[in-house]
Amino acid sequence: MSLTNEQKKTVKSTVPILKESGKEITSMFYKQMFIAHPELLDLFNRTNQKIGAQPLALANTIYFAAENIDHLDALTPQVKIIAH
């Protein structure tokens, strides 16, 4: 299933806010996720969480995906960064 042009337009409209506030958004995401599901803590590198590397990697990947929504195959290297 692929995205419609309207859906792609919506995704592209998020690029400025992702560029400006992506790390803050993903930091809050992880914080809320770990509060709601502390059992997930062991699935993530705690040092990367503490120093902000994991939220930054996720923010960068989401930003890159939104910016390149027409060429998602370019996203593969960025996804590999998050997986570590």
C-alpha atoms as a PDB file:
ATOM      1  CA  MET A   1       0.000   0.000   0.000  1.00  0.00           C
ATOM      2  CA  SER A   2       1.417   3.357  -0.938  1.00  0.00           C
ATOM      3  CA  LEU A   3       0.591   6.818   0.245  1.00  0.00           C
ATOM      4  CA  THR A   4      -1.693   9.088  -1.723  1.00  0.00           C
ATOM      5  CA  ASN A   5      -0.412  12.429  -2.957  1.00  0.00           C
ATOM      6  CA  GLU A   6      -2.524  14.136  -0.285  1.00  0.00           C
ATOM      7  CA  GLN A   7      -0.984  11.985   2.444  1.00  0.00           C
ATOM      8  CA  LYS A   8       2.501  12.753   1.135  1.00  0.00           C
ATOM      9  CA  LYS A   9       1.652  16.457   1.162  1.00  0.00           C
ATOM     10  CA  THR A  10       0.567  16.165   4.806  1.00  0.00           C
ATOM     11  CA  VAL A  11       3.798  14.383   5.727  1.00  0.00           C
ATOM     12  CA  LYS A  12       5.877  17.003   3.895  1.00  0.00           C
ATOM     13  CA  SER A  13       4.090  19.757   5.826  1.00  0.00           C
ATOM     14  CA  THR A  14       5.610  18.380   9.058  1.00  0.00           C
ATOM     15  CA  VAL A  15       9.212  18.862   7.890  1.00  0.00           C
ATOM     16  CA  PRO A  16       9.708  22.357   9.415  1.00  0.00           C
ATOM     17  CA  ILE A  17       8.467  21.337  12.881  1.00  0.00           C
ATOM     18  CA  LEU A  18      10.481  18.122  12.748  1.00  0.00           C
ATOM     19  CA  LYS A  19      13.583  20.092  11.832  1.00  0.00           C
ATOM     20  CA  GLU A  20      13.009  22.575  14.655  1.00  0.00           C
ATOM     21  CA  SER A  21      11.713  20.306  17.433  1.00  0.00           C
ATOM     22  CA  GLY A  22      12.275  16.697  16.409  1.00  0.00           C
ATOM     23  CA  LYS A  23      14.585  15.755  19.277  1.00  0.00           C
ATOM     24  CA  GLU A  24      12.259  17.300  21.855  1.00  0.00           C
ATOM     25  CA  ILE A  25       9.333  15.380  20.360  1.00  0.00           C
ATOM     26  CA  THR A  26      11.142  12.041  20.350  1.00  0.00           C
ATOM     27  CA  SER A  27      12.595  12.611  23.822  1.00  0.00           C
ATOM     28  CA  MET A  28       9.051  13.103  25.121  1.00  0.00           C
ATOM     29  CA  PHE A  29       7.931  10.033  23.170  1.00  0.00           C
ATOM     30  CA  TYR A  30      10.552   7.826  24.843  1.00  0.00           C
ATOM     31  CA  LYS A  31       9.857   9.327  28.274  1.00  0.00           C
ATOM     32  CA  GLN A  32       6.127   8.659  27.989  1.00  0.00           C
ATOM     33  CA  MET A  33       6.680   5.210  26.490  1.00  0.00           C
ATOM     34  CA  PHE A  34       8.945   4.155  29.363  1.00  0.00           C
ATOM     35  CA  ILE A  35       6.517   5.520  31.959  1.00  0.00           C
ATOM     36  CA  ALA A  36       3.656   3.576  30.392  1.00  0.00           C
ATOM     37  CA  HIS A  37       5.740   0.481  29.612  1.00  0.00           C
ATOM     38  CA  PRO A  38       8.815   0.211  31.855  1.00  0.00           C
ATOM     39  CA  GLU A  39       9.310  -3.354  30.655  1.00  0.00           C
ATOM     40  CA  LEU A  40      10.595  -1.855  27.384  1.00  0.00           C
ATOM     41  CA  LEU A  41      13.588  -0.206  29.061  1.00  0.00           C
ATOM     42  CA  ASP A  42      15.727  -3.298  28.577  1.00  0.00           C
ATOM     43  CA  LEU A  43      15.142  -3.212  24.820  1.00  0.00           C
ATOM     44  CA  PHE A  44      17.033   0.072  24.514  1.00  0.00           C
ATOM     45  CA  ASN A  45      20.585   1.089  25.305  1.00  0.00           C
ATOM     46  CA  ARG A  46      20.224   3.106  28.512  1.00  0.00           C
ATOM     47  CA  THR A  47      23.378   5.118  27.861  1.00  0.00           C
ATOM     48  CA  ASN A  48      22.049   6.179  24.459  1.00  0.00           C
ATOM     49  CA  GLN A  49      18.806   7.182  26.150  1.00  0.00           C
ATOM     50  CA  LYS A  50      20.604   9.109  28.884  1.00  0.00           C
ATOM     51  CA  ILE A  51      22.880  11.062  26.529  1.00  0.00           C
ATOM     52  CA  GLY A  52      20.076  11.637  24.022  1.00  0.00           C
ATOM     53  CA  ALA A  53      21.563   9.591  21.182  1.00  0.00           C
ATOM     54  CA  GLN A  54      18.501   7.351  20.756  1.00  0.00           C
ATOM     55  CA  PRO A  55      15.949  10.197  20.646  1.00  0.00           C
ATOM     56  CA  LEU A  56      18.202  12.111  18.249  1.00  0.00           C
ATOM     57  CA  ALA A  57      18.576   9.098  15.942  1.00  0.00           C
ATOM     58  CA  LEU A  58      14.806   8.610  15.867  1.00  0.00           C
ATOM     59  CA  ALA A  59      14.187  12.333  15.302  1.00  0.00           C
ATOM     60  CA  ASN A  60      16.669  12.416  12.447  1.00  0.00           C
ATOM     61  CA  THR A  61      15.112   9.351  10.844  1.00  0.00           C
ATOM     62  CA  ILE A  62      11.577  10.722  11.071  1.00  0.00           C
ATOM     63  CA  TYR A  63      12.772  14.052   9.654  1.00  0.00           C
ATOM     64  CA  PHE A  64      14.662  12.318   6.844  1.00  0.00           C
ATOM     65  CA  ALA A  65      11.630  10.139   6.030  1.00  0.00           C
ATOM     66  CA  ALA A  66       9.299  13.135   5.926  1.00  0.00           C
ATOM     67  CA  GLU A  67      11.713  15.127   3.803  1.00  0.00           C
ATOM     68  CA  ASN A  68      12.204  12.194   1.409  1.00  0.00           C
ATOM     69  CA  ILE A  69       8.681  10.771   1.425  1.00  0.00           C
ATOM     70  CA  ASP A  70       8.855  10.373  -2.357  1.00  0.00           C
ATOM     71  CA  HIS A  71      12.045   8.275  -2.099  1.00  0.00           C
ATOM     72  CA  LEU A  72      11.728   6.098   1.001  1.00  0.00           C
ATOM     73  CA  ASP A  73      14.313   3.621  -0.285  1.00  0.00           C
ATOM     74  CA  ALA A  74      16.899   6.231   0.722  1.00  0.00           C
ATOM     75  CA  LEU A  75      15.834   5.697   4.339  1.00  0.00           C
ATOM     76  CA  THR A  76      17.445   2.260   4.785  1.00  0.00           C
ATOM     77  CA  PRO A  77      20.838   3.495   6.107  1.00  0.00           C
ATOM     78  CA  GLN A  78      19.133   5.790   8.628  1.00  0.00           C
ATOM     79  CA  VAL A  79      16.914   2.978   9.935  1.00  0.00           C
ATOM     80  CA  LYS A  80      20.012   0.848  10.538  1.00  0.00           C
ATOM     81  CA  ILE A  81      21.356   3.587  12.842  1.00  0.00           C
ATOM     82  CA  ILE A  82      18.237   3.414  15.022  1.00  0.00           C
ATOM     83  CA  ALA A  83      18.433  -0.359  15.226  1.00  0.00           C
ATOM     84  CA  HIS A  84      21.732  -0.201  17.108  1.00  0.00           C
END
